[in-house]
N, C-alpha and C. Protein backbone atom coordinates (compact mmCIF):
# COMPACT_ATOMS: atom_id res chain seq x y z
N MET A 1 0.88 -1.21 -0.24
CA MET A 1 0.06 0.00 -0.02
C MET A 1 0.94 1.29 -0.02
N SER A 2 2.03 1.11 0.47
CA SER A 2 3.05 2.16 0.63
C SER A 2 3.26 2.85 -0.88
N GLU A 3 3.52 1.92 -1.65
CA GLU A 3 3.65 2.44 -3.21
C GLU A 3 2.61 2.91 -3.62
N TYR A 4 1.25 2.67 -3.46
CA TYR A 4 -0.08 2.99 -4.01
C TYR A 4 -0.20 4.62 -3.37
N ASN A 5 0.15 4.59 -2.15
CA ASN A 5 -0.01 6.12 -1.22
C ASN A 5 1.06 6.85 -1.90
N LYS A 6 2.16 6.65 -2.19
CA LYS A 6 3.32 7.30 -2.74
C LYS A 6 2.74 7.78 -4.16
N ILE A 7 2.16 6.98 -5.03
CA ILE A 7 1.84 7.35 -6.23
C ILE A 7 0.68 8.48 -5.99
N LEU A 8 -0.46 8.20 -5.31
CA LEU A 8 -1.41 9.14 -4.76
C LEU A 8 -0.80 10.52 -4.60
N LYS A 9 0.17 10.74 -3.65
CA LYS A 9 0.67 11.75 -3.30
C LYS A 9 1.42 12.49 -4.46
N GLU A 10 2.40 11.62 -5.16
CA GLU A 10 3.04 12.31 -6.10
C GLU A 10 2.15 12.93 -7.37
N ASN A 11 1.11 12.36 -7.74
CA ASN A 11 0.30 12.67 -8.65
C ASN A 11 -0.81 13.70 -8.39
N VAL A 12 -0.99 13.73 -7.08
CA VAL A 12 -2.17 14.78 -6.74
C VAL A 12 -1.36 16.20 -6.10
N TRP A 13 -0.08 16.00 -5.64
CA TRP A 13 0.57 16.91 -5.00
C TRP A 13 1.95 17.37 -5.54
N TYR A 14 3.02 16.54 -5.07
CA TYR A 14 4.24 16.63 -5.43
C TYR A 14 4.92 16.58 -6.78
N ASN A 15 4.05 16.05 -7.83
CA ASN A 15 4.44 15.83 -9.16
C ASN A 15 3.09 16.10 -9.91
N ASN A 16 2.20 17.03 -9.53
CA ASN A 16 0.93 17.13 -10.17
C ASN A 16 1.02 17.35 -11.61
N PRO A 17 0.30 16.85 -12.71
CA PRO A 17 0.40 17.05 -14.07
C PRO A 17 0.37 18.42 -14.66
N VAL A 18 -0.37 19.13 -13.79
CA VAL A 18 -0.71 20.64 -14.05
C VAL A 18 0.37 21.80 -13.69
N PHE A 19 0.42 21.64 -12.30
CA PHE A 19 1.30 22.48 -11.69
C PHE A 19 2.62 22.47 -11.55
N VAL A 20 2.90 21.14 -11.72
CA VAL A 20 4.33 20.89 -11.61
C VAL A 20 4.87 20.39 -13.09
N GLN A 21 4.27 19.57 -13.95
CA GLN A 21 4.61 19.14 -15.16
C GLN A 21 3.95 20.17 -16.18
N VAL A 22 2.93 20.90 -15.91
CA VAL A 22 2.33 21.87 -16.83
C VAL A 22 1.86 21.06 -17.95
N LEU A 23 1.00 20.05 -17.86
CA LEU A 23 0.48 19.31 -18.94
C LEU A 23 -1.02 19.38 -19.04
N GLY A 24 -1.73 19.39 -20.01
CA GLY A 24 -3.11 19.47 -19.97
C GLY A 24 -3.80 20.94 -19.56
N ILE A 25 -3.05 21.88 -19.93
CA ILE A 25 -3.55 23.16 -19.49
C ILE A 25 -4.66 23.56 -20.68
N CYS A 26 -4.57 23.36 -21.73
CA CYS A 26 -5.48 23.64 -22.66
C CYS A 26 -6.95 23.43 -22.11
N SER A 27 -7.24 22.46 -21.31
CA SER A 27 -8.63 22.31 -20.95
C SER A 27 -8.93 23.50 -19.88
N ALA A 28 -7.99 24.08 -19.30
CA ALA A 28 -8.42 25.19 -18.53
C ALA A 28 -9.21 26.24 -19.40
N LEU A 29 -8.77 26.51 -20.57
CA LEU A 29 -9.38 27.53 -21.27
C LEU A 29 -10.77 26.95 -21.82
N ALA A 30 -11.00 25.51 -21.79
CA ALA A 30 -12.19 25.33 -22.51
C ALA A 30 -13.25 25.24 -21.61
N VAL A 31 -13.32 24.77 -20.34
CA VAL A 31 -14.39 24.31 -19.60
C VAL A 31 -14.49 24.86 -18.20
N THR A 32 -13.58 25.71 -17.74
CA THR A 32 -13.43 26.00 -16.38
C THR A 32 -14.39 27.20 -15.98
N ASN A 33 -15.09 27.61 -16.79
CA ASN A 33 -16.25 28.70 -16.43
C ASN A 33 -17.50 28.27 -15.72
N ASN A 34 -17.27 26.85 -15.36
CA ASN A 34 -18.78 26.19 -15.17
C ASN A 34 -18.28 24.99 -14.46
N LEU A 35 -18.20 24.74 -12.91
CA LEU A 35 -18.01 23.85 -12.29
C LEU A 35 -18.62 22.21 -12.84
N THR A 36 -19.89 22.36 -13.07
CA THR A 36 -20.45 21.02 -13.48
C THR A 36 -19.77 20.43 -14.88
N ASN A 37 -19.55 21.34 -16.08
CA ASN A 37 -18.63 20.84 -17.08
C ASN A 37 -17.20 20.51 -16.52
N THR A 38 -16.72 21.21 -15.83
CA THR A 38 -15.41 21.04 -15.20
C THR A 38 -15.22 19.60 -14.75
N PHE A 39 -16.19 19.38 -13.65
CA PHE A 39 -16.10 18.04 -12.85
C PHE A 39 -16.27 16.97 -13.89
N ILE A 40 -17.23 17.06 -14.74
CA ILE A 40 -17.49 15.99 -15.89
C ILE A 40 -16.42 15.72 -16.57
N MET A 41 -15.79 16.74 -17.35
CA MET A 41 -14.63 16.43 -18.07
C MET A 41 -13.42 15.88 -17.32
N THR A 42 -13.26 16.48 -16.19
CA THR A 42 -11.90 15.84 -15.19
C THR A 42 -12.28 14.42 -15.10
N ILE A 43 -13.69 14.33 -14.62
CA ILE A 43 -13.70 12.67 -14.31
C ILE A 43 -13.56 11.87 -15.64
N ALA A 44 -14.01 12.50 -16.85
CA ALA A 44 -13.76 11.73 -18.07
C ALA A 44 -12.34 11.54 -18.36
N VAL A 45 -11.51 12.54 -17.93
CA VAL A 45 -9.88 12.37 -18.28
C VAL A 45 -9.45 11.48 -17.39
N SER A 46 -9.81 11.37 -16.15
CA SER A 46 -9.27 10.41 -15.05
C SER A 46 -9.52 9.08 -15.41
N LEU A 47 -10.63 8.60 -16.01
CA LEU A 47 -11.20 7.38 -16.41
C LEU A 47 -10.39 6.89 -17.59
N VAL A 48 -10.23 7.93 -18.39
CA VAL A 48 -9.54 7.60 -19.84
C VAL A 48 -8.28 7.14 -19.70
N THR A 49 -7.72 7.93 -18.61
CA THR A 49 -6.17 7.71 -18.36
C THR A 49 -5.95 6.78 -17.65
N ALA A 50 -6.78 6.30 -16.67
CA ALA A 50 -6.95 5.13 -15.94
C ALA A 50 -6.91 3.70 -16.83
N PHE A 51 -8.04 3.88 -17.54
CA PHE A 51 -8.40 2.46 -18.52
C PHE A 51 -7.41 2.37 -19.65
N SER A 52 -6.88 3.43 -20.12
CA SER A 52 -5.90 3.56 -21.26
C SER A 52 -4.32 2.82 -20.65
N SER A 53 -3.99 3.54 -19.27
CA SER A 53 -2.79 2.94 -18.71
C SER A 53 -3.03 1.31 -18.69
N LEU A 54 -4.04 0.93 -17.88
CA LEU A 54 -4.46 -0.38 -17.81
C LEU A 54 -4.37 -1.37 -18.99
N THR A 55 -4.86 -0.76 -19.87
CA THR A 55 -4.77 -1.62 -21.38
C THR A 55 -3.36 -1.62 -21.88
N VAL A 56 -2.47 -0.62 -21.92
CA VAL A 56 -1.39 -0.45 -22.47
C VAL A 56 -0.57 -1.41 -21.92
N SER A 57 -0.49 -1.52 -20.15
CA SER A 57 0.02 -2.17 -19.44
C SER A 57 -0.16 -3.66 -20.04
N LEU A 58 -1.29 -4.13 -19.98
CA LEU A 58 -1.82 -5.26 -20.34
C LEU A 58 -1.32 -6.05 -21.62
N ILE A 59 -1.22 -5.27 -22.59
CA ILE A 59 -0.79 -5.65 -23.97
C ILE A 59 0.31 -5.30 -24.41
N LYS A 60 1.33 -4.39 -23.54
CA LYS A 60 2.52 -3.85 -23.64
C LYS A 60 3.53 -4.96 -24.49
N GLY A 61 3.48 -6.25 -23.96
CA GLY A 61 4.34 -7.14 -24.78
C GLY A 61 4.07 -7.57 -26.13
N LEU A 62 2.75 -7.19 -26.55
CA LEU A 62 2.52 -7.35 -27.87
C LEU A 62 2.44 -6.44 -29.02
N ILE A 63 2.91 -5.18 -28.40
CA ILE A 63 2.99 -4.05 -28.95
C ILE A 63 4.25 -3.94 -29.95
N PRO A 64 4.51 -3.80 -30.85
CA PRO A 64 5.94 -3.38 -31.48
C PRO A 64 6.39 -2.14 -31.23
N ARG A 65 7.47 -2.10 -30.72
CA ARG A 65 8.24 -0.96 -30.30
C ARG A 65 7.95 0.30 -31.21
N LYS A 66 8.18 -0.12 -32.35
CA LYS A 66 8.18 1.21 -33.44
C LYS A 66 6.81 1.89 -33.73
N VAL A 67 5.67 1.08 -33.21
CA VAL A 67 4.38 1.62 -33.51
C VAL A 67 3.66 1.71 -32.03
N ARG A 68 4.39 1.75 -30.98
CA ARG A 68 3.88 1.71 -29.66
C ARG A 68 2.87 2.87 -29.57
N MET A 69 3.29 4.15 -29.86
CA MET A 69 2.79 5.43 -29.90
C MET A 69 1.39 5.33 -30.71
N ILE A 70 1.44 5.07 -31.85
CA ILE A 70 0.21 4.62 -32.57
C ILE A 70 -0.87 3.91 -31.99
N VAL A 71 -0.36 2.96 -31.28
CA VAL A 71 -1.23 2.08 -30.85
C VAL A 71 -1.85 2.71 -29.57
N GLN A 72 -0.93 3.35 -28.71
CA GLN A 72 -1.27 4.08 -27.59
C GLN A 72 -2.66 5.12 -27.87
N THR A 73 -2.27 5.93 -28.80
CA THR A 73 -3.09 6.84 -29.47
C THR A 73 -4.75 6.12 -29.79
N LEU A 74 -4.59 4.96 -30.46
CA LEU A 74 -5.81 3.98 -30.73
C LEU A 74 -6.69 3.70 -29.40
N ILE A 75 -5.83 3.21 -28.65
CA ILE A 75 -6.45 2.72 -27.17
C ILE A 75 -7.25 4.02 -26.58
N ILE A 76 -6.35 5.07 -26.40
CA ILE A 76 -6.99 6.49 -25.75
C ILE A 76 -8.13 6.77 -26.57
N ALA A 77 -8.00 6.84 -27.89
CA ALA A 77 -9.31 7.18 -28.67
C ALA A 77 -10.72 6.45 -28.47
N PHE A 78 -10.29 5.05 -28.24
CA PHE A 78 -11.19 3.91 -28.03
C PHE A 78 -12.01 4.26 -26.64
N TYR A 79 -11.25 4.62 -25.80
CA TYR A 79 -12.02 5.07 -24.40
C TYR A 79 -12.68 6.40 -24.61
N VAL A 80 -12.05 7.28 -25.11
CA VAL A 80 -12.81 8.70 -25.26
C VAL A 80 -13.98 8.57 -25.90
N ILE A 81 -14.08 7.67 -27.15
CA ILE A 81 -15.55 7.38 -27.87
C ILE A 81 -16.33 6.86 -26.89
N ILE A 82 -15.89 6.00 -26.11
CA ILE A 82 -17.06 5.47 -25.11
C ILE A 82 -17.48 6.38 -24.04
N VAL A 83 -16.47 7.14 -23.83
CA VAL A 83 -17.21 8.34 -22.67
C VAL A 83 -17.95 9.11 -23.58
N ASP A 84 -17.73 9.74 -24.72
CA ASP A 84 -18.40 10.48 -25.48
C ASP A 84 -19.91 9.71 -25.77
N ILE A 85 -19.97 8.56 -26.08
CA ILE A 85 -21.33 7.71 -26.29
C ILE A 85 -22.15 7.85 -24.97
N ILE A 86 -21.47 7.61 -23.80
CA ILE A 86 -22.06 7.61 -22.39
C ILE A 86 -22.66 9.02 -22.20
N LEU A 87 -21.85 10.10 -22.44
CA LEU A 87 -22.23 11.44 -22.05
C LEU A 87 -23.60 11.71 -22.90
N ARG A 88 -23.48 11.31 -24.48
CA ARG A 88 -24.54 11.64 -25.36
C ARG A 88 -25.79 10.80 -24.97
N ALA A 89 -25.68 9.70 -24.22
CA ALA A 89 -26.82 8.94 -23.99
C ALA A 89 -27.58 9.42 -22.67
N TYR A 90 -26.61 9.65 -21.67
CA TYR A 90 -27.30 9.88 -20.38
C TYR A 90 -27.07 11.44 -19.90
N LEU A 91 -26.15 12.08 -20.36
CA LEU A 91 -25.87 13.55 -19.98
C LEU A 91 -26.01 14.40 -21.33
N PRO A 92 -27.18 14.33 -21.86
CA PRO A 92 -27.25 15.21 -23.22
C PRO A 92 -26.80 16.78 -23.16
N ASP A 93 -27.46 17.25 -22.22
CA ASP A 93 -27.16 18.90 -22.09
C ASP A 93 -25.80 19.14 -21.48
N ILE A 94 -24.94 18.19 -20.91
CA ILE A 94 -23.51 18.56 -20.83
C ILE A 94 -22.75 18.08 -21.66
N SER A 95 -23.11 17.01 -22.70
CA SER A 95 -22.56 16.69 -23.78
C SER A 95 -22.30 17.65 -25.00
N LYS A 96 -23.41 18.31 -25.12
CA LYS A 96 -23.80 19.45 -25.99
C LYS A 96 -23.02 20.88 -25.67
N SER A 97 -22.90 21.05 -24.22
CA SER A 97 -22.28 22.08 -23.46
C SER A 97 -20.88 21.92 -23.83
N LEU A 98 -20.24 20.53 -23.54
CA LEU A 98 -18.83 20.53 -23.91
C LEU A 98 -18.42 20.39 -25.36
N GLY A 99 -19.42 20.05 -26.24
CA GLY A 99 -19.16 20.21 -27.42
C GLY A 99 -17.93 19.08 -28.01
N PRO A 100 -17.12 19.95 -28.98
CA PRO A 100 -15.86 19.04 -29.21
C PRO A 100 -14.89 18.77 -28.07
N TYR A 101 -15.04 19.28 -27.19
CA TYR A 101 -13.72 19.15 -26.19
C TYR A 101 -13.64 17.80 -25.61
N VAL A 102 -14.78 17.19 -25.68
CA VAL A 102 -14.83 15.63 -25.24
C VAL A 102 -13.67 14.69 -26.11
N GLY A 103 -13.99 15.08 -27.34
CA GLY A 103 -13.23 14.59 -28.43
C GLY A 103 -11.73 14.82 -28.36
N LEU A 104 -11.33 16.06 -27.92
CA LEU A 104 -10.02 16.35 -27.65
C LEU A 104 -9.29 15.93 -26.24
N ILE A 105 -10.13 15.09 -25.75
CA ILE A 105 -9.26 14.30 -24.62
C ILE A 105 -8.45 13.60 -25.32
N ILE A 106 -8.53 13.11 -26.59
CA ILE A 106 -7.66 12.39 -27.17
C ILE A 106 -6.09 13.05 -27.13
N THR A 107 -6.15 14.22 -27.38
CA THR A 107 -4.83 14.95 -27.46
C THR A 107 -4.20 15.45 -26.00
N ASN A 108 -4.93 15.00 -24.91
CA ASN A 108 -4.30 15.36 -23.70
C ASN A 108 -3.06 14.90 -23.54
N CYS A 109 -1.96 15.54 -23.18
CA CYS A 109 -0.65 15.25 -23.10
C CYS A 109 -0.52 14.27 -21.73
N ILE A 110 -1.39 14.25 -20.76
CA ILE A 110 -1.41 13.70 -19.44
C ILE A 110 -1.60 12.21 -19.80
N ILE A 111 -2.53 11.93 -20.58
CA ILE A 111 -2.98 10.40 -20.70
C ILE A 111 -1.77 10.01 -21.72
N MET A 112 -1.35 10.27 -22.73
CA MET A 112 -0.27 9.80 -23.25
C MET A 112 1.11 9.83 -22.55
N GLY A 113 1.22 10.74 -21.79
CA GLY A 113 2.35 10.77 -20.71
C GLY A 113 2.36 9.58 -19.82
N ARG A 114 1.36 9.31 -19.26
CA ARG A 114 1.17 8.31 -18.28
C ARG A 114 1.15 6.86 -18.96
N ALA A 115 0.82 6.73 -19.91
CA ALA A 115 0.76 5.39 -20.87
C ALA A 115 2.15 5.19 -21.33
N GLU A 116 2.95 6.17 -21.74
CA GLU A 116 4.14 5.83 -22.15
C GLU A 116 5.21 5.95 -21.07
N GLY A 117 5.08 6.67 -20.16
CA GLY A 117 6.06 7.08 -19.01
C GLY A 117 6.03 5.88 -17.93
N PHE A 118 4.70 5.38 -17.65
CA PHE A 118 4.44 4.55 -16.42
C PHE A 118 3.91 3.06 -17.03
N ALA A 119 2.76 3.21 -17.65
CA ALA A 119 2.08 2.13 -18.09
C ALA A 119 3.23 0.92 -18.55
N GLN A 120 3.82 1.54 -19.60
CA GLN A 120 4.75 0.83 -20.52
C GLN A 120 5.80 0.07 -19.80
N SER A 121 6.17 0.23 -18.47
CA SER A 121 7.23 -0.28 -17.90
C SER A 121 6.54 -0.85 -16.42
N ASN A 122 5.29 -0.99 -16.20
CA ASN A 122 4.62 -1.43 -14.90
C ASN A 122 3.46 -2.16 -15.01
N GLY A 123 3.02 -2.81 -13.92
CA GLY A 123 2.09 -3.92 -13.98
C GLY A 123 0.56 -2.97 -14.19
N PRO A 124 -0.48 -3.89 -14.49
CA PRO A 124 -1.70 -3.28 -14.93
C PRO A 124 -2.46 -2.75 -13.59
N ILE A 125 -2.37 -3.38 -12.58
CA ILE A 125 -3.15 -2.31 -11.55
C ILE A 125 -2.68 -1.37 -11.15
N ILE A 126 -1.31 -1.22 -10.95
CA ILE A 126 -0.63 0.00 -10.54
C ILE A 126 -0.58 0.79 -11.60
N SER A 127 -0.82 0.35 -12.75
CA SER A 127 -0.67 1.52 -13.83
C SER A 127 -2.18 2.20 -13.70
N PHE A 128 -3.10 1.31 -13.67
CA PHE A 128 -4.71 1.83 -13.49
C PHE A 128 -4.50 3.05 -12.31
N TRP A 129 -4.01 2.58 -11.19
CA TRP A 129 -4.06 3.61 -10.19
C TRP A 129 -3.29 4.83 -10.33
N ASP A 130 -2.11 4.57 -11.18
CA ASP A 130 -1.17 5.83 -11.66
C ASP A 130 -1.97 6.75 -12.65
N GLY A 131 -2.88 6.05 -13.45
CA GLY A 131 -3.61 6.86 -14.34
C GLY A 131 -4.61 7.62 -13.78
N PHE A 132 -5.19 7.04 -13.01
CA PHE A 132 -6.41 7.55 -12.14
C PHE A 132 -6.01 8.69 -11.18
N THR A 133 -4.98 8.48 -10.36
CA THR A 133 -4.58 9.34 -9.62
C THR A 133 -4.11 10.73 -10.39
N SER A 134 -3.23 10.34 -11.64
CA SER A 134 -2.94 11.87 -12.37
C SER A 134 -4.24 12.26 -12.77
N GLY A 135 -5.25 11.72 -13.19
CA GLY A 135 -6.57 12.42 -13.46
C GLY A 135 -7.08 13.26 -12.29
N LEU A 136 -6.92 12.63 -11.04
CA LEU A 136 -7.31 13.19 -9.79
C LEU A 136 -6.47 14.57 -9.71
N GLY A 137 -5.10 14.49 -9.83
CA GLY A 137 -4.47 15.74 -9.74
C GLY A 137 -4.80 16.74 -10.68
N TYR A 138 -5.24 16.63 -11.81
CA TYR A 138 -5.84 17.27 -13.13
C TYR A 138 -7.12 17.79 -12.32
N LEU A 139 -8.01 17.03 -11.99
CA LEU A 139 -9.19 17.42 -11.45
C LEU A 139 -9.31 18.52 -10.43
N VAL A 140 -8.49 18.17 -9.31
CA VAL A 140 -8.13 19.30 -8.26
C VAL A 140 -7.83 20.57 -8.77
N VAL A 141 -6.94 20.62 -9.50
CA VAL A 141 -6.50 22.09 -10.13
C VAL A 141 -7.66 22.83 -10.95
N LEU A 142 -7.96 21.99 -11.96
CA LEU A 142 -9.15 22.69 -12.69
C LEU A 142 -10.50 22.99 -11.86
N MET A 143 -10.64 22.21 -10.74
CA MET A 143 -11.96 22.44 -9.93
C MET A 143 -11.69 23.76 -9.41
N VAL A 144 -10.36 24.03 -8.57
CA VAL A 144 -10.04 25.06 -8.01
C VAL A 144 -10.34 26.41 -8.95
N VAL A 145 -9.82 26.31 -10.10
CA VAL A 145 -9.92 27.20 -11.39
C VAL A 145 -11.34 27.59 -11.58
N ALA A 146 -12.12 26.59 -11.83
CA ALA A 146 -13.43 26.76 -11.85
C ALA A 146 -14.16 27.47 -10.91
N PHE A 147 -14.00 26.87 -9.61
CA PHE A 147 -14.90 27.31 -8.39
C PHE A 147 -14.56 28.93 -8.49
N PHE A 148 -13.55 29.59 -8.85
CA PHE A 148 -13.50 30.97 -8.86
C PHE A 148 -14.13 31.66 -9.97
N ARG A 149 -13.77 30.94 -11.12
CA ARG A 149 -14.16 31.61 -12.38
C ARG A 149 -15.79 31.80 -12.37
N GLU A 150 -16.65 30.44 -12.07
CA GLU A 150 -17.74 30.63 -11.78
C GLU A 150 -18.57 31.51 -10.89
N LEU A 151 -17.92 31.48 -9.79
CA LEU A 151 -18.27 32.34 -8.61
C LEU A 151 -18.18 33.80 -8.82
N LEU A 152 -17.22 34.24 -9.35
CA LEU A 152 -16.83 35.49 -9.84
C LEU A 152 -17.69 35.97 -11.10
N GLY A 153 -17.81 35.12 -11.96
CA GLY A 153 -18.19 35.39 -13.15
C GLY A 153 -19.79 35.13 -13.23
N PHE A 154 -20.20 34.30 -12.44
CA PHE A 154 -21.71 34.38 -12.67
C PHE A 154 -22.46 34.47 -11.41
N GLY A 155 -21.72 34.12 -10.17
CA GLY A 155 -22.30 34.50 -8.86
C GLY A 155 -22.94 33.19 -8.43
N THR A 156 -22.51 32.19 -9.26
CA THR A 156 -23.10 30.80 -8.88
C THR A 156 -22.14 29.48 -8.57
N LEU A 157 -22.34 28.70 -7.96
CA LEU A 157 -21.54 27.28 -7.78
C LEU A 157 -22.31 26.07 -8.28
N PHE A 158 -22.03 25.33 -9.16
CA PHE A 158 -22.69 24.35 -9.82
C PHE A 158 -24.02 24.65 -10.14
N GLY A 159 -24.14 25.99 -10.82
CA GLY A 159 -25.30 26.39 -11.19
C GLY A 159 -26.47 27.00 -10.20
N TYR A 160 -26.13 26.98 -8.96
CA TYR A 160 -26.83 27.51 -7.85
C TYR A 160 -26.31 28.90 -7.60
N ARG A 161 -27.31 29.71 -7.30
CA ARG A 161 -26.91 31.21 -6.93
C ARG A 161 -26.33 31.07 -5.49
N VAL A 162 -25.14 31.59 -5.23
CA VAL A 162 -24.86 31.83 -3.88
C VAL A 162 -24.40 33.26 -3.42
N LEU A 163 -24.17 34.33 -4.49
CA LEU A 163 -23.89 35.72 -4.30
C LEU A 163 -25.09 36.36 -4.57
N PRO A 164 -25.47 37.41 -3.98
CA PRO A 164 -26.54 38.18 -3.99
C PRO A 164 -26.94 38.39 -5.54
N GLU A 165 -28.32 38.75 -5.95
CA GLU A 165 -28.67 39.27 -7.16
C GLU A 165 -28.16 40.61 -7.52
N GLY A 166 -27.61 41.45 -6.90
CA GLY A 166 -26.99 42.56 -7.03
C GLY A 166 -25.55 42.62 -7.34
N PHE A 167 -24.78 41.38 -7.13
CA PHE A 167 -23.57 41.06 -7.44
C PHE A 167 -23.08 41.60 -8.67
N MET A 168 -22.25 42.40 -9.01
CA MET A 168 -21.85 42.75 -10.31
C MET A 168 -20.73 41.73 -10.73
N SER A 169 -21.27 40.91 -11.95
CA SER A 169 -20.24 39.70 -12.44
C SER A 169 -18.96 40.38 -12.89
N TRP A 170 -17.96 39.55 -12.66
CA TRP A 170 -16.58 40.08 -13.42
C TRP A 170 -16.40 39.23 -14.83
N THR A 171 -16.85 40.37 -15.70
CA THR A 171 -16.88 39.82 -17.05
C THR A 171 -15.65 39.14 -17.48
N ILE A 172 -14.43 39.33 -17.20
CA ILE A 172 -13.16 38.93 -17.46
C ILE A 172 -13.09 37.44 -17.26
N MET A 173 -13.84 37.09 -16.09
CA MET A 173 -13.93 35.61 -15.48
C MET A 173 -14.77 34.72 -16.53
N LEU A 174 -15.49 35.37 -17.43
CA LEU A 174 -16.22 34.42 -18.46
C LEU A 174 -15.48 34.44 -19.65
N MET A 175 -14.38 35.13 -19.82
CA MET A 175 -13.35 35.07 -20.96
C MET A 175 -12.36 34.09 -20.79
N ALA A 176 -12.02 33.47 -21.73
CA ALA A 176 -10.91 32.37 -21.80
C ALA A 176 -9.43 32.91 -21.46
N PRO A 177 -8.98 33.92 -21.58
CA PRO A 177 -7.78 34.20 -20.66
C PRO A 177 -7.65 34.29 -19.24
N SER A 178 -8.85 34.46 -18.72
CA SER A 178 -8.96 34.59 -16.96
C SER A 178 -8.52 33.25 -16.79
N ALA A 179 -8.77 32.05 -17.55
CA ALA A 179 -8.45 30.72 -16.89
C ALA A 179 -6.72 30.81 -16.94
N PHE A 180 -6.24 31.27 -17.75
CA PHE A 180 -4.64 31.36 -17.74
C PHE A 180 -4.22 32.36 -16.66
N PHE A 181 -4.75 33.48 -16.35
CA PHE A 181 -4.60 33.95 -15.15
C PHE A 181 -4.73 33.47 -13.74
N MET A 182 -6.00 32.77 -13.77
CA MET A 182 -6.34 32.05 -12.60
C MET A 182 -5.30 30.71 -12.18
N LEU A 183 -4.96 30.07 -13.39
CA LEU A 183 -4.01 29.05 -13.19
C LEU A 183 -2.58 29.49 -12.84
N ALA A 184 -2.23 30.70 -13.33
CA ALA A 184 -0.62 31.05 -12.98
C ALA A 184 -0.94 31.53 -11.65
N ILE A 185 -1.99 32.18 -10.97
CA ILE A 185 -2.08 32.48 -9.73
C ILE A 185 -1.91 31.05 -8.67
N PHE A 186 -2.64 30.15 -9.12
CA PHE A 186 -2.66 28.97 -8.50
C PHE A 186 -1.36 28.20 -8.40
N ILE A 187 -0.44 28.27 -9.49
CA ILE A 187 0.76 27.70 -9.62
C ILE A 187 1.66 28.52 -8.71
N TRP A 188 1.63 29.73 -8.68
CA TRP A 188 2.33 30.63 -7.97
C TRP A 188 2.34 30.57 -6.29
N VAL A 189 0.86 30.17 -6.02
CA VAL A 189 0.84 30.14 -4.80
C VAL A 189 1.15 28.64 -4.29
N VAL A 190 0.92 27.62 -4.95
CA VAL A 190 1.17 26.29 -4.53
C VAL A 190 2.74 26.19 -4.64
N LYS A 191 3.43 26.54 -5.70
CA LYS A 191 4.93 26.53 -5.80
C LYS A 191 5.53 27.39 -4.87
N GLY A 192 4.89 28.33 -4.27
CA GLY A 192 5.58 29.18 -2.91
C GLY A 192 5.31 28.40 -1.60
N MET A 193 4.28 27.73 -1.62
CA MET A 193 4.35 26.89 -0.63
C MET A 193 5.37 25.55 -0.39
N MET A 194 5.35 25.16 -1.60
CA MET A 194 6.25 23.75 -1.83
C MET A 194 7.81 24.59 -1.54
N LEU A 195 8.26 25.52 -1.96
CA LEU A 195 9.53 26.08 -1.77
C LEU A 195 9.66 26.51 -0.36
N ARG A 196 8.54 27.05 0.40
CA ARG A 196 8.83 27.54 1.81
C ARG A 196 8.88 26.18 2.63
N LYS A 197 8.26 25.03 2.28
CA LYS A 197 8.27 23.69 2.98
C LYS A 197 9.60 23.15 2.86
N GLU A 198 10.56 23.27 1.69
CA GLU A 198 11.66 22.73 1.18
C GLU A 198 12.67 23.72 1.99
N ALA A 199 12.57 24.81 2.22
CA ALA A 199 13.45 25.85 2.82
C ALA A 199 13.51 25.39 4.36
N LYS A 200 12.42 24.92 4.94
CA LYS A 200 12.34 24.57 6.44
C LYS A 200 12.89 23.14 6.47
């Protein structure tokens, strides 16, 4: 269990794919002005990463080295298509709201990075855990960004109004560049905490 706990801590905090490795940040532009969309998107990325890593680990001995990245991309695309079908069937409004961004999960660097960097050289169960916890690290960062963007941009959280009706919305929070500002502030705060901890 110590190995699994270590992976969890690494992927969620010490080696977070977003604020340490700076991967998958394009999603911050796409969906983080709405907590509901952000939550669905990040859960989808977590599951795709987990199952892709599991599959790559299971069949790594059968994949010729020269075409392994092509095969990995096909595996990722397979799981993304399943996620897209499930969303269209059971959450059509969210699927419509997310639009093409679900399909673009295929291009998320985090998924390919875990498949190539971890699943290719580890067992299936721990690879699944590594993929899932990498997705959790991604989820934590984007949910924090989405919290402030939705709160200040709409005065709501998960679509429910929490700020008074007279609250003046911050228009900048509804625009894509605000995601980068929020992400930069988040990275600055977290890295500052890490450096202070290391200094002690």
